[in-house]
Protein backbone atom coordinates (compact mmCIF):
# COMPACT_ATOMS: atom_id res chain seq x y z
CA MET A 1 43.97 4.61 67.34
CA ALA A 2 45.30 2.18 69.91
CA ARG A 3 46.56 -1.20 68.89
CA SER A 4 45.86 -4.37 70.80
CA ALA A 5 48.57 -6.55 72.26
CA ARG A 6 48.44 -8.88 69.26
CA GLY A 7 49.17 -6.09 66.78
CA ALA A 8 45.84 -6.05 64.91
CA SER A 9 43.61 -3.03 65.02
CA PRO A 10 39.95 -3.43 66.03
CA LYS A 11 38.97 -2.81 62.41
CA GLN A 12 41.19 -5.65 61.23
CA ARG A 13 39.82 -7.97 63.91
CA ALA A 14 36.25 -7.14 62.92
CA HIS A 15 37.11 -7.87 59.29
CA ARG A 16 38.27 -11.36 60.16
CA GLY A 17 34.95 -12.19 61.77
CA ALA A 18 34.39 -15.34 63.78
CA THR A 19 37.53 -17.04 62.54
CA THR A 20 39.93 -14.62 64.25
CA GLY A 21 43.16 -16.34 65.13
CA ARG A 22 42.41 -19.44 63.07
CA TYR A 23 43.46 -20.39 59.58
CA MET A 24 40.75 -19.74 57.02
CA THR A 25 40.52 -22.03 54.03
CA ALA A 26 40.20 -20.60 50.56
CA GLU A 27 36.60 -21.80 50.46
CA GLN A 28 35.77 -19.91 53.67
CA ARG A 29 37.29 -16.73 52.26
CA GLY A 30 35.25 -17.11 49.10
CA ARG A 31 38.32 -17.46 46.86
CA TYR A 32 37.78 -21.07 45.87
CA THR A 33 35.38 -22.53 43.35
CA ARG A 34 34.87 -26.26 43.53
CA PRO A 35 35.60 -28.10 40.28
CA VAL A 36 32.63 -29.35 38.31
CA PRO A 37 32.25 -33.13 38.65
CA LYS A 38 33.40 -35.04 35.57
CA GLU A 39 30.02 -36.69 35.04
CA THR A 40 28.48 -33.21 34.73
CA ARG A 41 30.96 -32.15 32.03
CA ARG A 42 30.01 -34.84 29.50
CA SER A 43 28.92 -33.69 26.05
CA PRO A 44 26.20 -35.68 24.30
CA ARG A 45 27.31 -38.09 21.58
CA TRP A 46 25.71 -36.07 18.80
CA PHE A 47 27.86 -33.07 19.71
CA GLY A 48 31.15 -34.69 18.68
CA VAL A 49 29.61 -36.12 15.52
CA THR A 50 28.26 -32.67 14.60
CA VAL A 51 31.71 -31.12 15.10
CA LEU A 52 33.31 -33.63 12.75
CA LEU A 53 30.55 -33.30 10.16
CA LEU A 54 30.81 -29.50 10.13
CA LEU A 55 34.58 -29.59 9.72
CA LEU A 56 34.38 -32.21 7.00
CA ALA A 57 31.57 -30.35 5.17
CA GLY A 58 33.59 -27.15 5.25
CA VAL A 59 36.67 -28.81 3.81
CA LEU A 60 34.61 -30.58 1.12
CA LEU A 61 32.93 -27.32 0.12
CA LEU A 62 36.27 -25.53 -0.19
CA VAL A 63 37.96 -28.34 -2.10
CA GLY A 64 34.88 -28.94 -4.26
CA ASP A 65 34.73 -25.30 -5.20
CA TYR A 66 38.45 -25.18 -5.95
CA LEU A 67 38.28 -28.28 -8.16
CA GLN A 68 34.96 -27.15 -9.69
CA PHE A 69 33.09 -30.31 -8.68
CA LEU A 70 30.13 -28.36 -7.35
CA PRO A 71 27.22 -27.31 -9.61
CA GLY A 72 27.73 -23.96 -11.28
CA ALA A 73 30.95 -22.14 -11.85
CA THR A 74 33.34 -21.16 -9.09
CA ASN A 75 31.10 -19.32 -6.67
CA SER A 76 31.98 -17.22 -3.65
CA GLY A 77 28.88 -18.59 -1.92
CA TYR A 78 30.52 -22.00 -1.66
CA LEU A 79 33.65 -20.45 -0.20
CA ILE A 80 31.69 -18.50 2.40
CA ALA A 81 29.60 -21.57 3.30
CA GLY A 82 32.75 -23.71 3.63
CA VAL A 83 34.53 -21.22 5.86
CA LEU A 84 31.42 -20.74 8.02
CA CYS A 85 31.00 -24.52 8.42
CA MET A 86 34.62 -24.87 9.49
CA LEU A 87 34.33 -21.91 11.86
CA ALA A 88 31.21 -23.38 13.45
CA GLY A 89 33.00 -26.73 13.80
CA PHE A 90 36.02 -25.11 15.49
CA LEU A 91 33.83 -23.10 17.85
CA MET A 92 31.85 -26.19 18.80
CA ALA A 93 35.09 -28.13 19.31
CA THR A 94 36.14 -25.65 21.99
CA ARG A 95 33.01 -26.57 23.97
CA LEU A 96 33.45 -30.33 23.60
CA HIS A 97 34.06 -32.31 26.80
C-alpha cells in the first residue's frame, strides 16, 4: 500500500473525514458531553425534607427500640424499619442536587 507525501494512508485520511488537516474539537469527535445546566439539576424542596425525615425517622426507630420506648417489647420489626428508613434516606441523599 503506497503512502501519500504527508505520511497518512488513504484509509487514515478517509477516517478523518471532512476535517482532514484541521484540529477536531472533542465535541466534533464525539468524546465530549456538555454539562447539564445548573437550573436543570435542581431538586424540588420536598426532596431534601424527605431525606431528612427518613434519616431522622430511622434513627428514632432504632433508638426508641433500644430504649424500649416503642409499643411492645423489643421487636426486630422496628430495627428493620429503622435501618430501611435510614438506607432510603442515604440513597435519596445521593440524588440530591
